[in-house]
C-alpha atoms as a PDB file:
ATOM      1  CA  MET A   1     -87.810 -69.572  22.350  1.00  0.00           C
ATOM      2  CA  GLU A   2     -84.376 -68.854  22.169  1.00  0.00           C
ATOM      3  CA  ARG A   3     -83.046 -65.542  21.659  1.00  0.00           C
ATOM      4  CA  GLN A   4     -80.716 -65.082  18.907  1.00  0.00           C
ATOM      5  CA  ARG A   5     -77.612 -63.479  19.684  1.00  0.00           C
ATOM      6  CA  GLU A   6     -76.865 -60.541  17.718  1.00  0.00           C
ATOM      7  CA  THR A   7     -73.338 -59.987  16.951  1.00  0.00           C
ATOM      8  CA  THR A   8     -72.396 -56.616  15.941  1.00  0.00           C
ATOM      9  CA  ILE A   9     -69.080 -55.776  14.504  1.00  0.00           C
ATOM     10  CA  SER A  10     -67.939 -52.342  15.422  1.00  0.00           C
ATOM     11  CA  TYR A  11     -65.633 -50.624  13.047  1.00  0.00           C
ATOM     12  CA  PRO A  12     -63.292 -47.905  14.224  1.00  0.00           C
ATOM     13  CA  LEU A  13     -64.244 -44.432  13.296  1.00  0.00           C
ATOM     14  CA  PRO A  14     -62.591 -43.308  10.106  1.00  0.00           C
ATOM     15  CA  ARG A  15     -59.631 -41.019  10.641  1.00  0.00           C
ATOM     16  CA  PRO A  16     -59.409 -37.834   8.649  1.00  0.00           C
ATOM     17  CA  TYR A  17     -55.854 -38.609   7.524  1.00  0.00           C
ATOM     18  CA  SER A  18     -54.799 -42.100   6.860  1.00  0.00           C
ATOM     19  CA  GLN A  19     -51.422 -43.238   8.061  1.00  0.00           C
ATOM     20  CA  SER A  20     -49.084 -44.800   5.639  1.00  0.00           C
ATOM     21  CA  ARG A  21     -48.304 -48.354   6.357  1.00  0.00           C
ATOM     22  CA  THR A  22     -44.727 -48.134   5.090  1.00  0.00           C
ATOM     23  CA  ARG A  23     -42.136 -46.318   7.093  1.00  0.00           C
ATOM     24  CA  ALA A  24     -39.484 -44.206   5.432  1.00  0.00           C
ATOM     25  CA  ALA A  25     -36.044 -45.659   5.779  1.00  0.00           C
ATOM     26  CA  THR A  26     -34.143 -43.674   8.403  1.00  0.00           C
ATOM     27  CA  TRP A  27     -30.685 -44.153   9.808  1.00  0.00           C
ATOM     28  CA  PRO A  28     -30.160 -44.641  13.462  1.00  0.00           C
ATOM     29  CA  ARG A  29     -28.774 -41.684  15.353  1.00  0.00           C
ATOM     30  CA  ALA A  30     -25.523 -43.455  16.126  1.00  0.00           C
ATOM     31  CA  THR A  31     -24.870 -44.036  12.432  1.00  0.00           C
ATOM     32  CA  LEU A  32     -25.573 -40.392  11.651  1.00  0.00           C
ATOM     33  CA  ALA A  33     -23.200 -39.290  14.399  1.00  0.00           C
ATOM     34  CA  VAL A  34     -20.437 -41.545  13.058  1.00  0.00           C
ATOM     35  CA  VAL A  35     -20.935 -40.301   9.499  1.00  0.00           C
ATOM     36  CA  CYS A  36     -20.921 -36.646  10.628  1.00  0.00           C
ATOM     37  CA  GLY A  37     -17.792 -37.245  12.690  1.00  0.00           C
ATOM     38  CA  ALA A  38     -16.071 -38.906   9.720  1.00  0.00           C
ATOM     39  CA  VAL A  39     -16.983 -35.968   7.484  1.00  0.00           C
ATOM     40  CA  ILE A  40     -15.571 -33.490  10.022  1.00  0.00           C
ATOM     41  CA  ILE A  41     -12.340 -35.476  10.395  1.00  0.00           C
ATOM     42  CA  ALA A  42     -11.979 -35.773   6.603  1.00  0.00           C
ATOM     43  CA  ALA A  43     -12.505 -32.012   6.239  1.00  0.00           C
ATOM     44  CA  ALA A  44      -9.859 -31.315   8.884  1.00  0.00           C
ATOM     45  CA  CYS A  45      -7.392 -33.640   7.129  1.00  0.00           C
ATOM     46  CA  PHE A  46      -8.101 -31.992   3.794  1.00  0.00           C
ATOM     47  CA  LEU A  47      -7.564 -28.551   5.344  1.00  0.00           C
ATOM     48  CA  TYR A  48      -4.240 -29.682   6.870  1.00  0.00           C
ATOM     49  CA  VAL A  49      -2.964 -31.059   3.561  1.00  0.00           C
ATOM     50  CA  TRP A  50      -4.158 -27.987   1.650  1.00  0.00           C
ATOM     51  CA  GLN A  51      -2.415 -25.633   4.102  1.00  0.00           C
ATOM     52  CA  GLY A  52       0.844 -27.553   3.796  1.00  0.00           C
ATOM     53  CA  THR A  53       0.670 -27.457   0.013  1.00  0.00           C
ATOM     54  CA  ARG A  54      -0.147 -23.749   0.018  1.00  0.00           C
ATOM     55  CA  ILE A  55       2.747 -22.987   2.371  1.00  0.00           C
ATOM     56  CA  LEU A  56       5.162 -24.842   0.071  1.00  0.00           C
ATOM     57  CA  ALA A  57       3.854 -22.957  -2.971  1.00  0.00           C
ATOM     58  CA  LEU A  58       4.179 -19.585  -1.239  1.00  0.00           C
ATOM     59  CA  THR A  59       7.697 -20.436  -0.024  1.00  0.00           C
ATOM     60  CA  ALA A  60       8.757 -21.305  -3.571  1.00  0.00           C
ATOM     61  CA  GLN A  61       7.210 -18.080  -4.830  1.00  0.00           C
ATOM     62  CA  ARG A  62       9.063 -16.078  -2.152  1.00  0.00           C
ATOM     63  CA  GLU A  63      12.391 -17.646  -3.121  1.00  0.00           C
ATOM     64  CA  SER A  64      11.720 -16.856  -6.766  1.00  0.00           C
ATOM     65  CA  MET A  65      10.970 -13.243  -5.853  1.00  0.00           C
ATOM     66  CA  LYS A  66      14.185 -13.044  -3.810  1.00  0.00           C
ATOM     67  CA  GLN A  67      16.183 -14.183  -6.842  1.00  0.00           C
ATOM     68  CA  THR A  68      14.405 -11.628  -9.011  1.00  0.00           C
ATOM     69  CA  ILE A  69      15.174  -8.861  -6.509  1.00  0.00           C
ATOM     70  CA  THR A  70      18.836  -9.911  -6.396  1.00  0.00           C
ATOM     71  CA  SER A  71      19.154  -9.784 -10.183  1.00  0.00           C
ATOM     72  CA  ILE A  72      17.395  -6.400 -10.310  1.00  0.00           C
ATOM     73  CA  GLN A  73      19.761  -5.036  -7.662  1.00  0.00           C
ATOM     74  CA  GLU A  74      22.754  -6.248  -9.696  1.00  0.00           C
ATOM     75  CA  VAL A  75      21.413  -4.470 -12.791  1.00  0.00           C
ATOM     76  CA  ASN A  76      20.817  -1.361 -10.661  1.00  0.00           C
ATOM     77  CA  ASN A  77      24.396  -1.405  -9.384  1.00  0.00           C
ATOM     78  CA  TRP A  78      25.752  -1.842 -12.910  1.00  0.00           C
ATOM     79  CA  LEU A  79      23.632   1.089 -14.149  1.00  0.00           C
ATOM     80  CA  ASP A  80      24.853   3.255 -11.234  1.00  0.00           C
ATOM     81  CA  PHE A  81      28.418   2.419 -12.249  1.00  0.00           C
ATOM     82  CA  GLN A  82      27.684   3.313 -15.895  1.00  0.00           C
ATOM     83  CA  ILE A  83      26.105   6.616 -14.863  1.00  0.00           C
ATOM     84  CA  GLY A  84      29.097   7.381 -12.655  1.00  0.00           C
ATOM     85  CA  GLN A  85      31.471   6.730 -15.543  1.00  0.00           C
ATOM     86  CA  ALA A  86      29.375   8.771 -17.975  1.00  0.00           C
ATOM     87  CA  PHE A  87      29.471  11.870 -15.790  1.00  0.00           C
ATOM     88  CA  SER A  88      33.013  11.532 -14.429  1.00  0.00           C
ATOM     89  CA  LEU A  89      35.286  14.567 -14.688  1.00  0.00           C
ATOM     90  CA  GLU A  90      37.892  12.594 -16.657  1.00  0.00           C
ATOM     91  CA  ARG A  91      35.338  11.669 -19.327  1.00  0.00           C
ATOM     92  CA  VAL A  92      33.974  15.210 -19.557  1.00  0.00           C
ATOM     93  CA  SER A  93      37.537  16.548 -19.868  1.00  0.00           C
ATOM     94  CA  ARG A  94      38.423  13.999 -22.570  1.00  0.00           C
ATOM     95  CA  ILE A  95      35.276  14.815 -24.594  1.00  0.00           C
ATOM     96  CA  ALA A  96      36.003  18.556 -24.256  1.00  0.00           C
ATOM     97  CA  ARG A  97      39.545  18.092 -25.598  1.00  0.00           C
ATOM     98  CA  GLU A  98      38.823  15.540 -28.338  1.00  0.00           C
ATOM     99  CA  GLN A  99      35.424  16.514 -29.703  1.00  0.00           C
ATOM    100  CA  LEU A 100      35.166  20.192 -28.812  1.00  0.00           C
ATOM    101  CA  HIS A 101      38.898  20.938 -29.312  1.00  0.00           C
ATOM    102  CA  MET A 102      39.210  22.745 -26.020  1.00  0.00           C
ATOM    103  CA  ILE A 103      42.569  23.177 -24.287  1.00  0.00           C
ATOM    104  CA  GLU A 104      43.681  23.731 -20.748  1.00  0.00           C
ATOM    105  CA  PRO A 105      44.193  27.426 -19.947  1.00  0.00           C
ATOM    106  CA  THR A 106      47.871  28.431 -19.841  1.00  0.00           C
ATOM    107  CA  ASN A 107      47.675  31.650 -17.927  1.00  0.00           C
ATOM    108  CA  VAL A 108      44.870  32.669 -15.644  1.00  0.00           C
ATOM    109  CA  ARG A 109      43.988  36.312 -15.169  1.00  0.00           C
ATOM    110  CA  TYR A 110      42.163  37.489 -12.118  1.00  0.00           C
ATOM    111  CA  VAL A 111      40.247  40.709 -11.957  1.00  0.00           C
ATOM    112  CA  HIS A 112      40.206  42.366  -8.588  1.00  0.00           C
ATOM    113  CA  ILE A 113      36.833  43.859  -7.692  1.00  0.00           C
ATOM    114  CA  ASN A 114      36.706  46.447  -4.927  1.00  0.00           C
ATOM    115  CA  PRO A 115      33.749  45.980  -2.644  1.00  0.00           C
ATOM    116  CA  SER A 116      31.506  49.011  -2.741  1.00  0.00           C
ATOM    117  CA  LYS A 117      30.457  50.782   0.409  1.00  0.00           C
ATOM    118  CA  THR A 118      26.809  49.999  -0.212  1.00  0.00           C
ATOM    119  CA  GLU A 119      27.315  46.223   0.026  1.00  0.00           C
ATOM    120  CA  LYS A 120      28.284  46.374   3.668  1.00  0.00           C
END
């Protein structure tokens, strides 16, 4: 009698967590490095252009402020001149004669005061 061969199929033990058969799409490291480098270079270029634009804007603003200061100084000088004319002795004398009807004194009298002995 012939012995029958028994064939047994052994199955692997079940794993507690099954692995997914599909792999998530990932980029190679070299591609990531190139993309990161490109982003850094683009950011540096953007910063350079932004700084240049900002410098031009601030320069224009400074020039505008200089012109404003110059015009204010001119107005200040004109007002100083007007104040000087308003309080000049000639103007005060003319107003005293014309509006207040004052006249120049013709004779001046001086009163001599003897110094007292207590003031020494």
